[in-house]
Amino acid sequence: EMPRFPGCEDLSTENEKKVCALRALGDYIEHHPKYNEVNSRLGSEATFMAEFIVRRNGTVENVRLARSVSDNPEIYNAVIDLVKDMPTWTPGKQQGKAVDVQLTIPVRFGPQ
């Protein structure tokens, strides 16, 4: 079972939880203060691929950008901060036990 962004634990099916968690993650990214900061500095559409580990306790660690479309360190750091600021996830499980899982997610910026 893959880790899930929080906020959808009360739903009944795994598919409902997955869809809800993806929507919640998108909302988190779009409403994070760093999102607007990066959006205003980029001035065009861009996608960063953020890699991180969701630890067995749900914390996000070892954040890095697998692909960055900017050499600007302020933009790079803002995207890293956006991911590091994520709330505690529902951890991934293997054979019923919580495990560390590495994820890569796209973080898209562009006109609203």
N, C-alpha and C. Protein backbone atom coordinates (compact mmCIF):
# COMPACT_ATOMS: atom_id res chain seq x y z
N GLU A 1 0.85 -1.19 0.00
CA GLU A 1 0.00 0.00 0.00
C GLU A 1 0.89 1.24 0.00
N MET A 2 0.63 2.13 -0.93
CA MET A 2 1.43 3.34 -1.07
C MET A 2 1.05 4.37 0.00
N PRO A 3 1.98 5.25 0.34
CA PRO A 3 1.64 6.33 1.28
C PRO A 3 0.58 7.24 0.66
N ARG A 4 -0.18 7.91 1.53
CA ARG A 4 -1.21 8.83 1.06
C ARG A 4 -1.10 10.16 1.78
N PHE A 5 -1.32 11.24 1.02
CA PHE A 5 -1.42 12.57 1.61
C PHE A 5 -2.62 12.56 2.55
N PRO A 6 -2.53 13.24 3.70
CA PRO A 6 -3.59 13.14 4.71
C PRO A 6 -4.88 13.88 4.33
N GLY A 7 -5.93 13.51 5.04
CA GLY A 7 -7.20 14.20 4.92
C GLY A 7 -8.34 13.36 4.40
N CYS A 8 -8.07 12.11 4.05
CA CYS A 8 -9.11 11.30 3.41
C CYS A 8 -9.28 9.95 4.11
N GLU A 9 -8.81 9.85 5.33
CA GLU A 9 -8.79 8.57 6.04
C GLU A 9 -10.19 8.01 6.32
N ASP A 10 -11.21 8.89 6.39
CA ASP A 10 -12.56 8.44 6.75
C ASP A 10 -13.34 7.85 5.58
N LEU A 11 -12.80 7.93 4.38
CA LEU A 11 -13.52 7.37 3.23
C LEU A 11 -13.45 5.85 3.27
N SER A 12 -14.42 5.19 2.60
CA SER A 12 -14.55 3.75 2.79
C SER A 12 -13.66 2.90 1.89
N THR A 13 -13.50 3.27 0.62
CA THR A 13 -12.73 2.40 -0.27
C THR A 13 -11.33 2.97 -0.52
N GLU A 14 -10.42 2.08 -0.87
CA GLU A 14 -9.04 2.50 -1.16
C GLU A 14 -9.01 3.46 -2.35
N ASN A 15 -9.84 3.19 -3.36
CA ASN A 15 -9.86 4.06 -4.53
C ASN A 15 -10.34 5.46 -4.16
N GLU A 16 -11.39 5.56 -3.34
CA GLU A 16 -11.87 6.87 -2.89
C GLU A 16 -10.77 7.61 -2.12
N LYS A 17 -10.07 6.89 -1.26
CA LYS A 17 -8.98 7.50 -0.49
C LYS A 17 -7.88 8.00 -1.40
N LYS A 18 -7.54 7.20 -2.42
CA LYS A 18 -6.47 7.57 -3.35
C LYS A 18 -6.84 8.83 -4.13
N VAL A 19 -8.04 8.86 -4.69
CA VAL A 19 -8.49 10.02 -5.48
C VAL A 19 -8.55 11.26 -4.59
N CYS A 20 -9.10 11.12 -3.41
CA CYS A 20 -9.21 12.23 -2.47
C CYS A 20 -7.83 12.74 -2.07
N ALA A 21 -6.90 11.83 -1.79
CA ALA A 21 -5.55 12.21 -1.36
C ALA A 21 -4.82 12.97 -2.47
N LEU A 22 -4.98 12.54 -3.71
CA LEU A 22 -4.36 13.26 -4.83
C LEU A 22 -4.91 14.67 -4.96
N ARG A 23 -6.22 14.80 -4.77
CA ARG A 23 -6.86 16.12 -4.83
C ARG A 23 -6.36 16.99 -3.66
N ALA A 24 -6.27 16.40 -2.48
CA ALA A 24 -5.80 17.14 -1.30
C ALA A 24 -4.35 17.59 -1.48
N LEU A 25 -3.52 16.74 -2.08
CA LEU A 25 -2.13 17.10 -2.34
C LEU A 25 -2.06 18.28 -3.31
N GLY A 26 -2.84 18.23 -4.37
CA GLY A 26 -2.88 19.33 -5.33
C GLY A 26 -3.33 20.63 -4.68
N ASP A 27 -4.35 20.56 -3.83
CA ASP A 27 -4.83 21.75 -3.11
C ASP A 27 -3.75 22.30 -2.19
N TYR A 28 -3.06 21.40 -1.49
CA TYR A 28 -1.98 21.83 -0.60
C TYR A 28 -0.92 22.61 -1.38
N ILE A 29 -0.50 22.05 -2.51
CA ILE A 29 0.55 22.69 -3.31
C ILE A 29 0.09 24.06 -3.80
N GLU A 30 -1.11 24.12 -4.38
CA GLU A 30 -1.60 25.37 -4.96
C GLU A 30 -1.84 26.46 -3.92
N HIS A 31 -2.11 26.09 -2.67
CA HIS A 31 -2.40 27.09 -1.64
C HIS A 31 -1.22 27.37 -0.72
N HIS A 32 -0.10 26.72 -0.96
CA HIS A 32 1.09 26.96 -0.13
C HIS A 32 1.70 28.30 -0.53
N PRO A 33 2.14 29.12 0.45
CA PRO A 33 2.73 30.43 0.12
C PRO A 33 3.91 30.34 -0.86
N LYS A 34 4.68 29.28 -0.79
CA LYS A 34 5.83 29.13 -1.69
C LYS A 34 5.39 28.94 -3.14
N TYR A 35 4.20 28.36 -3.33
CA TYR A 35 3.69 28.14 -4.69
C TYR A 35 3.53 29.48 -5.41
N ASN A 36 2.87 30.43 -4.74
CA ASN A 36 2.67 31.74 -5.35
C ASN A 36 4.00 32.46 -5.57
N GLU A 37 4.93 32.29 -4.64
CA GLU A 37 6.26 32.90 -4.77
C GLU A 37 6.96 32.38 -6.03
N VAL A 38 6.96 31.06 -6.19
CA VAL A 38 7.62 30.46 -7.36
C VAL A 38 6.88 30.85 -8.63
N ASN A 39 5.56 30.78 -8.61
CA ASN A 39 4.77 31.12 -9.79
C ASN A 39 5.08 32.53 -10.29
N SER A 40 5.18 33.48 -9.37
CA SER A 40 5.43 34.86 -9.78
C SER A 40 6.84 35.04 -10.32
N ARG A 41 7.79 34.27 -9.82
CA ARG A 41 9.18 34.40 -10.29
C ARG A 41 9.41 33.70 -11.63
N LEU A 42 8.72 32.59 -11.85
CA LEU A 42 8.94 31.84 -13.10
C LEU A 42 8.35 32.57 -14.30
N GLY A 43 7.11 33.00 -14.16
CA GLY A 43 6.46 33.72 -15.26
C GLY A 43 6.02 32.84 -16.42
N SER A 44 6.21 31.54 -16.33
CA SER A 44 5.77 30.63 -17.39
C SER A 44 5.49 29.27 -16.77
N GLU A 45 4.94 28.37 -17.57
CA GLU A 45 4.66 27.02 -17.07
C GLU A 45 5.96 26.26 -16.84
N ALA A 46 5.98 25.49 -15.77
CA ALA A 46 7.16 24.68 -15.45
C ALA A 46 6.74 23.54 -14.55
N THR A 47 7.42 22.41 -14.68
CA THR A 47 7.18 21.26 -13.82
C THR A 47 8.49 20.83 -13.19
N PHE A 48 8.48 20.73 -11.87
CA PHE A 48 9.61 20.21 -11.12
C PHE A 48 9.24 18.81 -10.65
N MET A 49 10.18 17.89 -10.67
CA MET A 49 9.94 16.55 -10.15
C MET A 49 10.60 16.46 -8.78
N ALA A 50 9.78 16.37 -7.76
CA ALA A 50 10.27 16.33 -6.38
C ALA A 50 10.35 14.88 -5.91
N GLU A 51 11.51 14.50 -5.41
CA GLU A 51 11.70 13.16 -4.82
C GLU A 51 11.81 13.32 -3.32
N PHE A 52 11.21 12.39 -2.59
CA PHE A 52 11.31 12.41 -1.13
C PHE A 52 10.95 11.04 -0.59
N ILE A 53 11.25 10.85 0.67
CA ILE A 53 10.90 9.60 1.35
C ILE A 53 9.80 9.90 2.35
N VAL A 54 8.72 9.12 2.30
CA VAL A 54 7.72 9.14 3.35
C VAL A 54 8.13 8.05 4.33
N ARG A 55 8.57 8.47 5.50
CA ARG A 55 9.04 7.53 6.52
C ARG A 55 7.87 6.73 7.10
N ARG A 56 8.20 5.66 7.78
CA ARG A 56 7.16 4.79 8.35
C ARG A 56 6.30 5.51 9.38
N ASN A 57 6.79 6.67 9.88
CA ASN A 57 5.96 7.47 10.80
C ASN A 57 5.19 8.56 10.05
N GLY A 58 5.31 8.60 8.72
CA GLY A 58 4.55 9.54 7.90
C GLY A 58 5.25 10.87 7.62
N THR A 59 6.43 11.08 8.21
CA THR A 59 7.14 12.33 7.96
C THR A 59 7.81 12.30 6.59
N VAL A 60 8.01 13.48 6.03
CA VAL A 60 8.65 13.63 4.72
C VAL A 60 10.11 14.02 4.95
N GLU A 61 11.03 13.26 4.34
CA GLU A 61 12.46 13.51 4.52
C GLU A 61 13.20 13.33 3.20
N ASN A 62 14.47 13.73 3.20
CA ASN A 62 15.37 13.55 2.04
C ASN A 62 14.78 14.14 0.76
N VAL A 63 14.29 15.37 0.86
CA VAL A 63 13.66 16.02 -0.28
C VAL A 63 14.73 16.54 -1.24
N ARG A 64 14.53 16.25 -2.51
CA ARG A 64 15.42 16.80 -3.55
C ARG A 64 14.62 16.92 -4.84
N LEU A 65 15.15 17.70 -5.75
CA LEU A 65 14.50 17.82 -7.05
C LEU A 65 15.21 16.92 -8.05
N ALA A 66 14.46 15.97 -8.60
CA ALA A 66 15.01 15.06 -9.60
C ALA A 66 15.17 15.79 -10.93
N ARG A 67 14.28 16.75 -11.15
CA ARG A 67 14.38 17.56 -12.36
C ARG A 67 13.95 18.97 -12.01
N SER A 68 14.80 19.92 -12.32
CA SER A 68 14.51 21.32 -12.06
C SER A 68 14.61 22.09 -13.37
N VAL A 69 13.68 23.00 -13.57
CA VAL A 69 13.68 23.79 -14.80
C VAL A 69 14.28 25.17 -14.57
N SER A 70 14.86 25.37 -13.40
CA SER A 70 15.42 26.68 -13.08
C SER A 70 16.77 26.53 -12.40
N ASP A 71 17.70 27.39 -12.78
CA ASP A 71 18.99 27.43 -12.11
C ASP A 71 18.97 28.42 -10.94
N ASN A 72 17.85 29.09 -10.76
CA ASN A 72 17.73 30.08 -9.69
C ASN A 72 17.63 29.36 -8.35
N PRO A 73 18.61 29.54 -7.45
CA PRO A 73 18.58 28.82 -6.17
C PRO A 73 17.39 29.20 -5.29
N GLU A 74 16.87 30.42 -5.44
CA GLU A 74 15.71 30.82 -4.64
C GLU A 74 14.47 30.03 -5.05
N ILE A 75 14.31 29.82 -6.34
CA ILE A 75 13.17 29.03 -6.83
C ILE A 75 13.35 27.57 -6.41
N TYR A 76 14.54 27.05 -6.60
CA TYR A 76 14.85 25.67 -6.21
C TYR A 76 14.52 25.46 -4.73
N ASN A 77 15.00 26.35 -3.87
CA ASN A 77 14.77 26.23 -2.43
C ASN A 77 13.31 26.39 -2.06
N ALA A 78 12.59 27.25 -2.78
CA ALA A 78 11.16 27.42 -2.51
C ALA A 78 10.39 26.14 -2.78
N VAL A 79 10.74 25.45 -3.88
CA VAL A 79 10.07 24.18 -4.20
C VAL A 79 10.41 23.13 -3.14
N ILE A 80 11.67 23.07 -2.73
CA ILE A 80 12.09 22.14 -1.67
C ILE A 80 11.31 22.43 -0.39
N ASP A 81 11.20 23.71 -0.01
CA ASP A 81 10.48 24.08 1.21
C ASP A 81 9.01 23.69 1.14
N LEU A 82 8.40 23.87 -0.03
CA LEU A 82 7.00 23.50 -0.21
C LEU A 82 6.80 22.02 0.12
N VAL A 83 7.71 21.18 -0.34
CA VAL A 83 7.60 19.73 -0.07
C VAL A 83 7.93 19.43 1.39
N LYS A 84 8.98 20.05 1.92
CA LYS A 84 9.36 19.79 3.31
C LYS A 84 8.27 20.20 4.30
N ASP A 85 7.47 21.20 3.93
CA ASP A 85 6.41 21.69 4.82
C ASP A 85 5.17 20.81 4.83
N MET A 86 5.15 19.75 4.03
CA MET A 86 3.95 18.90 3.95
C MET A 86 3.61 18.33 5.32
N PRO A 87 2.31 18.19 5.58
CA PRO A 87 1.90 17.55 6.84
C PRO A 87 2.26 16.06 6.83
N THR A 88 2.10 15.43 7.96
CA THR A 88 2.40 14.01 8.10
C THR A 88 1.46 13.18 7.22
N TRP A 89 2.05 12.32 6.41
CA TRP A 89 1.31 11.45 5.50
C TRP A 89 0.83 10.20 6.23
N THR A 90 -0.13 9.49 5.63
CA THR A 90 -0.44 8.13 6.04
C THR A 90 0.66 7.27 5.43
N PRO A 91 1.45 6.58 6.26
CA PRO A 91 2.61 5.86 5.71
C PRO A 91 2.22 4.71 4.80
N GLY A 92 3.18 4.32 3.96
CA GLY A 92 3.00 3.15 3.12
C GLY A 92 3.10 1.89 3.98
N LYS A 93 2.51 0.81 3.48
CA LYS A 93 2.55 -0.45 4.23
C LYS A 93 2.96 -1.58 3.31
N GLN A 94 3.67 -2.52 3.90
CA GLN A 94 4.03 -3.75 3.20
C GLN A 94 3.75 -4.89 4.17
N GLN A 95 2.91 -5.81 3.75
CA GLN A 95 2.50 -6.93 4.59
C GLN A 95 1.97 -6.43 5.94
N GLY A 96 1.20 -5.33 5.88
CA GLY A 96 0.55 -4.80 7.07
C GLY A 96 1.43 -3.94 7.97
N LYS A 97 2.71 -3.82 7.66
CA LYS A 97 3.62 -3.03 8.49
C LYS A 97 3.99 -1.73 7.77
N ALA A 98 4.05 -0.64 8.53
CA ALA A 98 4.46 0.65 7.96
C ALA A 98 5.91 0.57 7.51
N VAL A 99 6.19 1.11 6.33
CA VAL A 99 7.54 1.08 5.76
C VAL A 99 7.88 2.44 5.17
N ASP A 100 9.19 2.70 5.02
CA ASP A 100 9.65 3.89 4.31
C ASP A 100 9.41 3.68 2.81
N VAL A 101 8.93 4.73 2.13
CA VAL A 101 8.67 4.65 0.69
C VAL A 101 9.19 5.91 0.02
N GLN A 102 9.96 5.73 -1.05
CA GLN A 102 10.43 6.87 -1.84
C GLN A 102 9.38 7.19 -2.89
N LEU A 103 9.04 8.46 -2.99
CA LEU A 103 8.07 8.93 -3.98
C LEU A 103 8.69 10.00 -4.86
N THR A 104 8.18 10.11 -6.06
CA THR A 104 8.50 11.21 -6.95
C THR A 104 7.18 11.78 -7.43
N ILE A 105 6.99 13.09 -7.22
CA ILE A 105 5.74 13.72 -7.64
C ILE A 105 6.05 14.94 -8.51
N PRO A 106 5.19 15.22 -9.48
CA PRO A 106 5.36 16.45 -10.26
C PRO A 106 4.78 17.63 -9.47
N VAL A 107 5.50 18.73 -9.48
CA VAL A 107 5.00 19.98 -8.90
C VAL A 107 4.94 20.97 -10.06
N ARG A 108 3.71 21.26 -10.50
CA ARG A 108 3.51 22.08 -11.71
C ARG A 108 3.22 23.53 -11.33
N PHE A 109 3.80 24.42 -12.10
CA PHE A 109 3.56 25.84 -11.93
C PHE A 109 3.11 26.41 -13.25
N GLY A 110 2.32 27.47 -13.18
CA GLY A 110 1.88 28.11 -14.41
C GLY A 110 0.72 29.03 -14.14
N PRO A 111 0.18 29.62 -15.18
CA PRO A 111 -0.93 30.55 -15.03
C PRO A 111 -2.10 29.90 -14.31
N GLN A 112 -2.70 30.64 -13.43
CA GLN A 112 -3.85 30.13 -12.66
C GLN A 112 -5.12 30.29 -13.46
